Amino acid sequence: MAGPAFRVAPVRVRVPATSANLGPGFDALGLALGLYDDVVVRVAESGLAVDIAGEGAQTLPRDESHLLVRAMHATFDLLGGRPRGLELVCANRIPHGRGLGSSSAAICAGILAARAVTTGGTEKLDDEGVLDLAAELEGHPDNVAACLLGGFTIAWTDAGRARALRLDPDESLVPVVFVPGRPVLTEEARGLLPRTVPHGDAAANAGRAALLVEALTRRPDLLLAATEDRLHQDYRSPAMPESIALVNRLRADGVAAVVSGAGPTVLALVREDGAEKAEKAAASAGEGWAANRLALDTGGAGILPLGG
């Protein structure tokens, strides 16, 4: 049986950064941010060529162990076969190991690129299948859901399959990210979490996560209360004490601040008139931190024109 046919023309994929958990929504809630990685993929006659510019240019592998390549291979296998060769050009802007979804971005970019260069790929692998495969490769659906769908997402697993609901975040929200110079591995941060938590803490987080859905979409004035967490942030403090200290300092000043994903980046959710307040409050974090106001991404991952 013959394998699939492939497009001759290259394709360009853009994927946004994401912040997961958002305080109480552990492994469920995600937000897409206006910071992007781009990859251009072309099917070649043979071999593998990977060119990387920007984040990870000095550290990422350029062989089949590259996460984006692994995601492409997994997708090709699902679609019926791999091409003889691939050429990839990556422009990375999402910091690595900082809790801003760089691994999810690579996985989503790889899946979408492989589907796009495969003739009939969309018919063989629909958007629900893309989400399910991405969650399988990532290990949980929160970041990949926000990356693929954009906006504010609620993700869960039902009967072994990843599912997600996309909502529009309030347009007045301004995400401000405080990115430290030192990364923290997700595995290290997860390893600090206890196997069980007090029932009262779990109940409190359930209530705050429910409130957070309302706060992010219609009532930003409730964000400080809605982002309170008892399940994961304090447990991770030994791996990122400066991040937890910054979160506590911002929250004491009335700013809705959380650890972004597994950290160590800190995310503040404010309105435009509160962005400067957040930046000033974080000025005491010390050297090595970069503060950036970002837009909300509402479009999610997608295929773009090569010249765009």
C-alpha atoms as a PDB file:
ATOM      1  CA  MET A   1       0.000   0.000   0.000  1.00  0.00           C
ATOM      2  CA  ALA A   2       1.435   3.359  -1.035  1.00  0.00           C
ATOM      3  CA  GLY A   3       2.116   5.989   1.579  1.00  0.00           C
ATOM      4  CA  PRO A   4       0.725   9.516   1.555  1.00  0.00           C
ATOM      5  CA  ALA A   5       1.707  12.189  -0.943  1.00  0.00           C
ATOM      6  CA  PHE A   6       3.287  15.453   0.215  1.00  0.00           C
ATOM      7  CA  ARG A   7       3.130  19.093  -0.792  1.00  0.00           C
ATOM      8  CA  VAL A   8       6.088  20.452  -2.709  1.00  0.00           C
ATOM      9  CA  ALA A   9       5.603  24.013  -1.445  1.00  0.00           C
ATOM     10  CA  PRO A  10       6.818  24.920   2.061  1.00  0.00           C
ATOM     11  CA  VAL A  11       4.379  25.822   4.837  1.00  0.00           C
ATOM     12  CA  ARG A  12       4.738  28.308   7.658  1.00  0.00           C
ATOM     13  CA  VAL A  13       3.221  27.715  11.101  1.00  0.00           C
ATOM     14  CA  ARG A  14       2.924  30.279  13.910  1.00  0.00           C
ATOM     15  CA  VAL A  15       2.235  29.184  17.498  1.00  0.00           C
ATOM     16  CA  PRO A  16       1.655  31.378  20.582  1.00  0.00           C
ATOM     17  CA  ALA A  17       3.178  31.208  24.037  1.00  0.00           C
ATOM     18  CA  THR A  18       0.825  30.067  26.768  1.00  0.00           C
ATOM     19  CA  SER A  19       0.421  30.305  30.518  1.00  0.00           C
ATOM     20  CA  ALA A  20      -1.212  27.359  32.263  1.00  0.00           C
ATOM     21  CA  ASN A  21      -2.749  26.857  35.715  1.00  0.00           C
ATOM     22  CA  LEU A  22      -3.338  30.612  36.210  1.00  0.00           C
ATOM     23  CA  GLY A  23      -3.264  30.023  39.953  1.00  0.00           C
ATOM     24  CA  PRO A  24      -6.028  27.600  41.000  1.00  0.00           C
ATOM     25  CA  GLY A  25      -6.720  25.972  37.602  1.00  0.00           C
ATOM     26  CA  PHE A  26      -3.998  23.333  37.929  1.00  0.00           C
ATOM     27  CA  ASP A  27      -3.591  21.259  34.721  1.00  0.00           C
ATOM     28  CA  ALA A  28      -6.913  22.625  33.418  1.00  0.00           C
ATOM     29  CA  LEU A  29      -6.853  26.362  32.623  1.00  0.00           C
ATOM     30  CA  GLY A  30      -4.701  28.068  30.012  1.00  0.00           C
ATOM     31  CA  LEU A  31      -4.251  31.466  28.390  1.00  0.00           C
ATOM     32  CA  ALA A  32      -2.690  32.206  24.991  1.00  0.00           C
ATOM     33  CA  LEU A  33      -0.222  35.093  24.919  1.00  0.00           C
ATOM     34  CA  GLY A  34       0.956  37.367  22.109  1.00  0.00           C
ATOM     35  CA  LEU A  35       4.483  35.976  21.845  1.00  0.00           C
ATOM     36  CA  TYR A  36       5.170  33.613  18.957  1.00  0.00           C
ATOM     37  CA  ASP A  37       7.401  30.944  17.489  1.00  0.00           C
ATOM     38  CA  ASP A  38       7.434  30.505  13.709  1.00  0.00           C
ATOM     39  CA  VAL A  39       8.547  27.476  11.745  1.00  0.00           C
ATOM     40  CA  VAL A  40       8.814  26.987   7.991  1.00  0.00           C
ATOM     41  CA  VAL A  41       8.764  23.357   6.872  1.00  0.00           C
ATOM     42  CA  ARG A  42       9.567  21.935   3.443  1.00  0.00           C
ATOM     43  CA  VAL A  43       9.538  18.315   2.354  1.00  0.00           C
ATOM     44  CA  ALA A  44      12.962  17.419   0.901  1.00  0.00           C
ATOM     45  CA  GLU A  45      14.356  14.586  -1.181  1.00  0.00           C
ATOM     46  CA  SER A  46      16.285  13.146   1.745  1.00  0.00           C
ATOM     47  CA  GLY A  47      17.815  13.841   5.150  1.00  0.00           C
ATOM     48  CA  LEU A  48      16.958  16.311   7.880  1.00  0.00           C
ATOM     49  CA  ALA A  49      18.070  19.945   8.067  1.00  0.00           C
ATOM     50  CA  VAL A  50      17.114  22.073  11.078  1.00  0.00           C
ATOM     51  CA  ASP A  51      17.978  25.772  11.281  1.00  0.00           C
ATOM     52  CA  ILE A  52      17.217  27.568  14.564  1.00  0.00           C
ATOM     53  CA  ALA A  53      17.314  31.298  15.282  1.00  0.00           C
ATOM     54  CA  GLY A  54      16.454  32.986  18.566  1.00  0.00           C
ATOM     55  CA  GLU A  55      15.632  31.092  21.761  1.00  0.00           C
ATOM     56  CA  GLY A  56      17.449  27.779  22.004  1.00  0.00           C
ATOM     57  CA  ALA A  57      19.710  28.457  19.027  1.00  0.00           C
ATOM     58  CA  GLN A  58      22.766  27.471  21.062  1.00  0.00           C
ATOM     59  CA  THR A  59      21.245  24.570  22.999  1.00  0.00           C
ATOM     60  CA  LEU A  60      18.535  22.787  21.010  1.00  0.00           C
ATOM     61  CA  PRO A  61      19.410  19.649  19.023  1.00  0.00           C
ATOM     62  CA  ARG A  62      19.293  19.714  15.251  1.00  0.00           C
ATOM     63  CA  ASP A  63      18.551  16.041  14.727  1.00  0.00           C
ATOM     64  CA  GLU A  64      15.558  13.729  15.174  1.00  0.00           C
ATOM     65  CA  SER A  65      15.584  14.288  18.936  1.00  0.00           C
ATOM     66  CA  HIS A  66      14.328  17.870  18.451  1.00  0.00           C
ATOM     67  CA  LEU A  67      10.834  17.996  19.973  1.00  0.00           C
ATOM     68  CA  LEU A  68       9.324  19.613  16.892  1.00  0.00           C
ATOM     69  CA  VAL A  69      10.744  16.869  14.682  1.00  0.00           C
ATOM     70  CA  ARG A  70       9.465  14.189  17.067  1.00  0.00           C
ATOM     71  CA  ALA A  71       5.992  15.719  16.921  1.00  0.00           C
ATOM     72  CA  MET A  72       6.128  15.798  13.116  1.00  0.00           C
ATOM     73  CA  HIS A  73       7.209  12.156  12.955  1.00  0.00           C
ATOM     74  CA  ALA A  74       4.402  11.103  15.307  1.00  0.00           C
ATOM     75  CA  THR A  75       1.925  12.935  13.089  1.00  0.00           C
ATOM     76  CA  PHE A  76       3.308  11.478   9.852  1.00  0.00           C
ATOM     77  CA  ASP A  77       3.072   7.986  11.355  1.00  0.00           C
ATOM     78  CA  LEU A  78      -0.571   8.635  12.210  1.00  0.00           C
ATOM     79  CA  LEU A  79      -1.218   9.894   8.683  1.00  0.00           C
ATOM     80  CA  GLY A  80       0.302   6.846   7.033  1.00  0.00           C
ATOM     81  CA  GLY A  81       3.997   7.506   6.446  1.00  0.00           C
ATOM     82  CA  ARG A  82       6.932   9.896   6.639  1.00  0.00           C
ATOM     83  CA  PRO A  83       8.524  11.863   3.794  1.00  0.00           C
ATOM     84  CA  ARG A  84      12.073  10.989   2.735  1.00  0.00           C
ATOM     85  CA  GLY A  85      13.453  14.296   3.981  1.00  0.00           C
ATOM     86  CA  LEU A  86      12.594  17.496   5.830  1.00  0.00           C
ATOM     87  CA  GLU A  87      13.944  21.023   6.007  1.00  0.00           C
ATOM     88  CA  LEU A  88      12.957  23.156   9.017  1.00  0.00           C
ATOM     89  CA  VAL A  89      13.655  26.821   9.709  1.00  0.00           C
ATOM     90  CA  CYS A  90      12.667  27.854  13.259  1.00  0.00           C
ATOM     91  CA  ALA A  91      12.376  31.411  14.570  1.00  0.00           C
ATOM     92  CA  ASN A  92      11.937  31.022  18.329  1.00  0.00           C
ATOM     93  CA  ARG A  93      10.784  33.857  20.580  1.00  0.00           C
ATOM     94  CA  ILE A  94       9.206  31.903  23.458  1.00  0.00           C
ATOM     95  CA  PRO A  95      11.726  31.477  26.319  1.00  0.00           C
ATOM     96  CA  HIS A  96      12.602  27.888  27.132  1.00  0.00           C
ATOM     97  CA  GLY A  97      12.185  26.352  30.577  1.00  0.00           C
ATOM     98  CA  ARG A  98      10.332  29.410  31.898  1.00  0.00           C
ATOM     99  CA  GLY A  99       6.736  28.197  32.127  1.00  0.00           C
ATOM    100  CA  LEU A 100       5.514  29.886  28.947  1.00  0.00           C
ATOM    101  CA  GLY A 101       4.651  26.783  26.966  1.00  0.00           C
ATOM    102  CA  SER A 102       7.687  26.435  24.714  1.00  0.00           C
ATOM    103  CA  SER A 103       7.383  22.645  24.571  1.00  0.00           C
ATOM    104  CA  SER A 104       3.661  22.819  23.810  1.00  0.00           C
ATOM    105  CA  ALA A 105       4.392  25.357  21.080  1.00  0.00           C
ATOM    106  CA  ALA A 106       6.933  23.018  19.489  1.00  0.00           C
ATOM    107  CA  ILE A 107       4.538  20.072  19.659  1.00  0.00           C
ATOM    108  CA  CYS A 108       1.621  22.006  18.187  1.00  0.00           C
ATOM    109  CA  ALA A 109       3.798  23.499  15.452  1.00  0.00           C
ATOM    110  CA  GLY A 110       5.113  20.066  14.526  1.00  0.00           C
ATOM    111  CA  ILE A 111       1.666  18.470  14.329  1.00  0.00           C
ATOM    112  CA  LEU A 112       0.136  21.300  12.297  1.00  0.00           C
ATOM    113  CA  ALA A 113       3.115  21.489   9.952  1.00  0.00           C
ATOM    114  CA  ALA A 114       3.100  17.733   9.315  1.00  0.00           C
ATOM    115  CA  ARG A 115      -0.639  17.783   8.671  1.00  0.00           C
ATOM    116  CA  ALA A 116      -0.286  20.760   6.325  1.00  0.00           C
ATOM    117  CA  VAL A 117       2.438  19.223   4.136  1.00  0.00           C
ATOM    118  CA  THR A 118       0.574  15.909   3.863  1.00  0.00           C
ATOM    119  CA  THR A 119      -1.957  15.759   1.056  1.00  0.00           C
ATOM    120  CA  GLY A 120      -5.361  15.142   2.602  1.00  0.00           C
ATOM    121  CA  GLY A 121      -3.894  15.626   6.066  1.00  0.00           C
ATOM    122  CA  THR A 122      -6.820  17.646   7.414  1.00  0.00           C
ATOM    123  CA  GLU A 123      -9.306  14.992   6.335  1.00  0.00           C
ATOM    124  CA  LYS A 124      -7.282  12.266   8.060  1.00  0.00           C
ATOM    125  CA  LEU A 125      -6.550  14.267  11.232  1.00  0.00           C
ATOM    126  CA  ASP A 126      -9.196  16.805  12.261  1.00  0.00           C
ATOM    127  CA  ASP A 127      -8.737  19.544  14.879  1.00  0.00           C
ATOM    128  CA  GLU A 128      -9.991  17.316  17.698  1.00  0.00           C
ATOM    129  CA  GLY A 129      -7.418  14.730  16.673  1.00  0.00           C
ATOM    130  CA  VAL A 130      -4.714  17.394  16.677  1.00  0.00           C
ATOM    131  CA  LEU A 131      -5.598  18.358  20.256  1.00  0.00           C
ATOM    132  CA  ASP A 132      -5.654  14.733  21.372  1.00  0.00           C
ATOM    133  CA  LEU A 133      -2.273  13.952  19.793  1.00  0.00           C
ATOM    134  CA  ALA A 134      -0.725  17.135  21.194  1.00  0.00           C
ATOM    135  CA  ALA A 135      -1.961  16.321  24.695  1.00  0.00           C
ATOM    136  CA  GLU A 136      -0.610  12.784  24.391  1.00  0.00           C
ATOM    137  CA  LEU A 137       2.828  14.052  23.396  1.00  0.00           C
ATOM    138  CA  GLU A 138       2.860  16.802  26.062  1.00  0.00           C
ATOM    139  CA  GLY A 139       1.401  14.663  28.846  1.00  0.00           C
ATOM    140  CA  HIS A 140      -1.451  17.041  29.751  1.00  0.00           C
ATOM    141  CA  PRO A 141      -3.822  19.209  27.705  1.00  0.00           C
ATOM    142  CA  ASP A 142      -3.776  22.643  29.392  1.00  0.00           C
ATOM    143  CA  ASN A 143      -0.971  24.348  27.460  1.00  0.00           C
ATOM    144  CA  VAL A 144      -1.601  22.672  24.102  1.00  0.00           C
ATOM    145  CA  ALA A 145      -5.298  23.572  24.241  1.00  0.00           C
ATOM    146  CA  ALA A 146      -4.514  27.268  24.714  1.00  0.00           C
ATOM    147  CA  CYS A 147      -1.789  27.120  22.054  1.00  0.00           C
ATOM    148  CA  LEU A 148      -4.074  25.545  19.448  1.00  0.00           C
ATOM    149  CA  LEU A 149      -7.285  27.431  20.199  1.00  0.00           C
ATOM    150  CA  GLY A 150      -6.051  30.798  21.489  1.00  0.00           C
ATOM    151  CA  GLY A 151      -7.908  32.854  24.075  1.00  0.00           C
ATOM    152  CA  PHE A 152      -8.753  31.375  27.470  1.00  0.00           C
ATOM    153  CA  THR A 153      -9.224  27.604  27.544  1.00  0.00           C
ATOM    154  CA  ILE A 154     -10.561  24.973  29.909  1.00  0.00           C
ATOM    155  CA  ALA A 155      -9.104  21.536  29.160  1.00  0.00           C
ATOM    156  CA  TRP A 156      -9.899  18.092  30.481  1.00  0.00           C
ATOM    157  CA  THR A 157      -9.626  14.409  29.574  1.00  0.00           C
ATOM    158  CA  ASP A 158     -12.741  12.364  28.900  1.00  0.00           C
ATOM    159  CA  ALA A 159     -12.593   8.607  28.230  1.00  0.00           C
ATOM    160  CA  GLY A 160      -8.878   8.931  27.537  1.00  0.00           C
ATOM    161  CA  ARG A 161      -9.249  11.749  25.016  1.00  0.00           C
ATOM    162  CA  ALA A 162      -8.285  15.383  25.459  1.00  0.00           C
ATOM    163  CA  ARG A 163     -11.101  17.892  25.261  1.00  0.00           C
ATOM    164  CA  ALA A 164     -11.097  21.690  25.472  1.00  0.00           C
ATOM    165  CA  LEU A 165     -13.458  24.631  25.601  1.00  0.00           C
ATOM    166  CA  ARG A 166     -12.387  28.050  24.366  1.00  0.00           C
ATOM    167  CA  LEU A 167     -13.687  31.289  25.896  1.00  0.00           C
ATOM    168  CA  ASP A 168     -12.967  34.924  25.053  1.00  0.00           C
ATOM    169  CA  PRO A 169     -10.952  36.657  27.776  1.00  0.00           C
ATOM    170  CA  ASP A 170     -12.005  40.155  28.783  1.00  0.00           C
ATOM    171  CA  GLU A 171     -10.497  42.580  26.254  1.00  0.00           C
ATOM    172  CA  SER A 172      -9.325  44.955  28.974  1.00  0.00           C
ATOM    173  CA  LEU A 173      -6.861  42.409  30.383  1.00  0.00           C
ATOM    174  CA  VAL A 174      -3.135  43.034  29.948  1.00  0.00           C
ATOM    175  CA  PRO A 175      -0.819  40.099  30.702  1.00  0.00           C
ATOM    176  CA  VAL A 176       2.519  41.207  32.163  1.00  0.00           C
ATOM    177  CA  VAL A 177       5.180  38.505  32.364  1.00  0.00           C
ATOM    178  CA  PHE A 178       8.239  38.650  34.595  1.00  0.00           C
ATOM    179  CA  VAL A 179      10.804  36.240  33.176  1.00  0.00           C
ATOM    180  CA  PRO A 180      13.860  35.318  35.286  1.00  0.00           C
ATOM    181  CA  GLY A 181      17.220  34.506  33.799  1.00  0.00           C
ATOM    182  CA  ARG A 182      17.365  30.973  35.203  1.00  0.00           C
ATOM    183  CA  PRO A 183      15.110  28.198  33.863  1.00  0.00           C
ATOM    184  CA  VAL A 184      13.399  25.522  35.944  1.00  0.00           C
ATOM    185  CA  LEU A 185      12.663  22.121  34.417  1.00  0.00           C
ATOM    186  CA  THR A 186       9.001  21.127  34.469  1.00  0.00           C
ATOM    187  CA  GLU A 187       9.996  17.711  35.790  1.00  0.00           C
ATOM    188  CA  GLU A 188      11.806  19.344  38.716  1.00  0.00           C
ATOM    189  CA  ALA A 189       8.810  21.533  39.560  1.00  0.00           C
ATOM    190  CA  ARG A 190       6.349  18.641  39.300  1.00  0.00           C
ATOM    191  CA  GLY A 191       8.576  16.464  41.461  1.00  0.00           C
ATOM    192  CA  LEU A 192       7.999  18.818  44.399  1.00  0.00           C
ATOM    193  CA  LEU A 193       4.228  18.331  44.399  1.00  0.00           C
ATOM    194  CA  PRO A 194       2.803  16.078  47.138  1.00  0.00           C
ATOM    195  CA  ARG A 195       0.779  12.986  46.285  1.00  0.00           C
ATOM    196  CA  THR A 196      -2.121  14.209  48.456  1.00  0.00           C
ATOM    197  CA  VAL A 197      -3.324  17.611  49.634  1.00  0.00           C
ATOM    198  CA  PRO A 198      -5.672  18.643  52.467  1.00  0.00           C
ATOM    199  CA  HIS A 199      -9.367  18.399  51.573  1.00  0.00           C
ATOM    200  CA  GLY A 200      -9.882  22.040  52.551  1.00  0.00           C
ATOM    201  CA  ASP A 201      -7.203  23.187  50.105  1.00  0.00           C
ATOM    202  CA  ALA A 202      -8.746  21.174  47.274  1.00  0.00           C
ATOM    203  CA  ALA A 203     -12.188  22.605  48.036  1.00  0.00           C
ATOM    204  CA  ALA A 204     -10.816  26.149  48.152  1.00  0.00           C
ATOM    205  CA  ASN A 205      -9.098  25.727  44.775  1.00  0.00           C
ATOM    206  CA  ALA A 206     -12.235  24.322  43.180  1.00  0.00           C
ATOM    207  CA  GLY A 207     -14.147  27.425  44.203  1.00  0.00           C
ATOM    208  CA  ARG A 208     -11.429  29.824  43.064  1.00  0.00           C
ATOM    209  CA  ALA A 209     -11.042  28.037  39.712  1.00  0.00           C
ATOM    210  CA  ALA A 210     -14.766  28.398  39.096  1.00  0.00           C
ATOM    211  CA  LEU A 211     -14.572  32.077  40.041  1.00  0.00           C
ATOM    212  CA  LEU A 212     -11.577  32.534  37.744  1.00  0.00           C
ATOM    213  CA  VAL A 213     -13.661  31.621  34.690  1.00  0.00           C
ATOM    214  CA  GLU A 214     -15.986  34.529  35.464  1.00  0.00           C
ATOM    215  CA  ALA A 215     -13.123  36.862  36.397  1.00  0.00           C
ATOM    216  CA  LEU A 216     -11.167  36.262  33.199  1.00  0.00           C
ATOM    217  CA  THR A 217     -14.127  36.597  30.877  1.00  0.00           C
ATOM    218  CA  ARG A 218     -16.444  39.201  32.462  1.00  0.00           C
ATOM    219  CA  ARG A 219     -15.303  40.399  35.894  1.00  0.00           C
ATOM    220  CA  PRO A 220     -11.613  41.344  35.938  1.00  0.00           C
ATOM    221  CA  ASP A 221     -12.231  43.123  39.247  1.00  0.00           C
ATOM    222  CA  LEU A 222     -12.425  39.672  40.851  1.00  0.00           C
ATOM    223  CA  LEU A 223      -9.051  38.468  39.567  1.00  0.00           C
ATOM    224  CA  LEU A 224      -7.089  38.918  42.789  1.00  0.00           C
ATOM    225  CA  ALA A 225      -9.429  36.644  44.728  1.00  0.00           C
ATOM    226  CA  ALA A 226      -9.922  34.296  41.776  1.00  0.00           C
ATOM    227  CA  THR A 227      -6.196  33.592  41.297  1.00  0.00           C
ATOM    228  CA  GLU A 228      -5.549  32.385  44.846  1.00  0.00           C
ATOM    229  CA  ASP A 229      -3.927  28.943  44.840  1.00  0.00           C
ATOM    230  CA  ARG A 230      -3.266  26.314  47.505  1.00  0.00           C
ATOM    231  CA  LEU A 231      -2.415  23.281  45.376  1.00  0.00           C
ATOM    232  CA  HIS A 232       0.926  23.826  43.686  1.00  0.00           C
ATOM    233  CA  GLN A 233       2.671  27.212  43.952  1.00  0.00           C
ATOM    234  CA  ASP A 234       3.899  27.093  47.558  1.00  0.00           C
ATOM    235  CA  TYR A 235       4.995  23.461  47.168  1.00  0.00           C
ATOM    236  CA  ARG A 236       7.224  24.535  44.285  1.00  0.00           C
ATOM    237  CA  SER A 237       8.852  27.323  46.276  1.00  0.00           C
ATOM    238  CA  PRO A 238      12.140  25.439  46.879  1.00  0.00           C
ATOM    239  CA  ALA A 239      12.761  25.356  43.112  1.00  0.00           C
ATOM    240  CA  MET A 240      11.872  29.029  42.562  1.00  0.00           C
ATOM    241  CA  PRO A 241      11.956  31.022  45.821  1.00  0.00           C
ATOM    242  CA  GLU A 242      12.423  34.345  44.012  1.00  0.00           C
ATOM    243  CA  SER A 243       9.332  33.687  41.881  1.00  0.00           C
ATOM    244  CA  ILE A 244       7.137  32.858  44.855  1.00  0.00           C
ATOM    245  CA  ALA A 245       8.449  35.909  46.691  1.00  0.00           C
ATOM    246  CA  LEU A 246       7.580  38.093  43.697  1.00  0.00           C
ATOM    247  CA  VAL A 247       4.083  36.589  43.472  1.00  0.00           C
ATOM    248  CA  ASN A 248       3.504  37.307  47.159  1.00  0.00           C
ATOM    249  CA  ARG A 249       4.856  40.856  46.827  1.00  0.00           C
ATOM    250  CA  LEU A 250       2.631  41.630  43.849  1.00  0.00           C
ATOM    251  CA  ARG A 251      -0.452  40.144  45.469  1.00  0.00           C
ATOM    252  CA  ALA A 252       0.184  42.107  48.659  1.00  0.00           C
ATOM    253  CA  ASP A 253       0.114  45.201  46.446  1.00  0.00           C
ATOM    254  CA  GLY A 254      -3.254  44.198  44.998  1.00  0.00           C
ATOM    255  CA  VAL A 255      -1.960  42.715  41.721  1.00  0.00           C
ATOM    256  CA  ALA A 256      -3.381  39.363  40.559  1.00  0.00           C
ATOM    257  CA  ALA A 257      -0.103  37.477  40.131  1.00  0.00           C
ATOM    258  CA  VAL A 258       0.557  33.759  39.687  1.00  0.00           C
ATOM    259  CA  VAL A 259       3.355  31.407  38.722  1.00  0.00           C
ATOM    260  CA  SER A 260       3.083  30.807  34.980  1.00  0.00           C
ATOM    261  CA  GLY A 261       2.779  27.089  34.324  1.00  0.00           C
ATOM    262  CA  ALA A 262       5.507  25.210  36.148  1.00  0.00           C
ATOM    263  CA  GLY A 263       7.469  28.465  36.531  1.00  0.00           C
ATOM    264  CA  PRO A 264       9.642  30.252  37.155  1.00  0.00           C
ATOM    265  CA  THR A 265       8.020  33.074  35.131  1.00  0.00           C
ATOM    266  CA  VAL A 266       5.504  35.168  37.055  1.00  0.00           C
ATOM    267  CA  LEU A 267       2.327  36.282  35.273  1.00  0.00           C
ATOM    268  CA  ALA A 268       0.353  39.341  36.378  1.00  0.00           C
ATOM    269  CA  LEU A 269      -3.141  39.876  35.005  1.00  0.00           C
ATOM    270  CA  VAL A 270      -4.033  43.555  35.115  1.00  0.00           C
ATOM    271  CA  ARG A 271      -5.897  46.232  33.210  1.00  0.00           C
ATOM    272  CA  GLU A 272      -3.957  48.806  31.216  1.00  0.00           C
ATOM    273  CA  ASP A 273      -3.925  51.284  34.085  1.00  0.00           C
ATOM    274  CA  GLY A 274      -2.496  48.609  36.385  1.00  0.00           C
ATOM    275  CA  ALA A 275       0.368  47.447  34.173  1.00  0.00           C
ATOM    276  CA  GLU A 276       2.703  50.203  35.331  1.00  0.00           C
ATOM    277  CA  LYS A 277       1.816  49.447  38.949  1.00  0.00           C
ATOM    278  CA  ALA A 278       2.744  45.798  38.420  1.00  0.00           C
ATOM    279  CA  GLU A 279       6.044  46.718  36.797  1.00  0.00           C
ATOM    280  CA  LYS A 280       6.938  49.085  39.641  1.00  0.00           C
ATOM    281  CA  ALA A 281       6.000  46.519  42.271  1.00  0.00           C
ATOM    282  CA  ALA A 282       8.228  43.968  40.550  1.00  0.00           C
ATOM    283  CA  ALA A 283      11.191  46.296  40.328  1.00  0.00           C
ATOM    284  CA  SER A 284      12.403  44.962  43.661  1.00  0.00           C
ATOM    285  CA  ALA A 285      12.698  41.445  42.248  1.00  0.00           C
ATOM    286  CA  GLY A 286      16.382  42.045  41.571  1.00  0.00           C
ATOM    287  CA  GLU A 287      18.606  41.687  38.556  1.00  0.00           C
ATOM    288  CA  GLY A 288      18.059  39.073  35.880  1.00  0.00           C
ATOM    289  CA  TRP A 289      14.319  39.608  35.501  1.00  0.00           C
ATOM    290  CA  ALA A 290      12.735  40.898  32.285  1.00  0.00           C
ATOM    291  CA  ALA A 291       9.276  42.473  32.486  1.00  0.00           C
ATOM    292  CA  ASN A 292       7.157  42.454  29.329  1.00  0.00           C
ATOM    293  CA  ARG A 293       3.606  43.553  28.601  1.00  0.00           C
ATOM    294  CA  LEU A 294       2.031  41.168  26.121  1.00  0.00           C
ATOM    295  CA  ALA A 295      -1.189  41.105  24.173  1.00  0.00           C
ATOM    296  CA  LEU A 296      -3.757  38.358  24.536  1.00  0.00           C
ATOM    297  CA  ASP A 297      -3.637  35.938  21.619  1.00  0.00           C
ATOM    298  CA  THR A 298      -7.137  35.158  20.393  1.00  0.00           C
ATOM    299  CA  GLY A 299      -6.385  33.252  17.187  1.00  0.00           C
ATOM    300  CA  GLY A 300      -4.253  30.350  18.382  1.00  0.00           C
ATOM    301  CA  ALA A 301      -1.892  28.345  16.215  1.00  0.00           C
ATOM    302  CA  GLY A 302      -2.268  28.569  12.480  1.00  0.00           C
ATOM    303  CA  ILE A 303      -0.812  28.389   9.000  1.00  0.00           C
ATOM    304  CA  LEU A 304       0.429  31.733   7.671  1.00  0.00           C
ATOM    305  CA  PRO A 305       1.537  32.954   4.254  1.00  0.00           C
ATOM    306  CA  LEU A 306       5.259  32.582   3.807  1.00  0.00           C
ATOM    307  CA  GLY A 307       5.760  36.307   3.249  1.00  0.00           C
ATOM    308  CA  GLY A 308       3.469  37.480   6.047  1.00  0.00           C
END
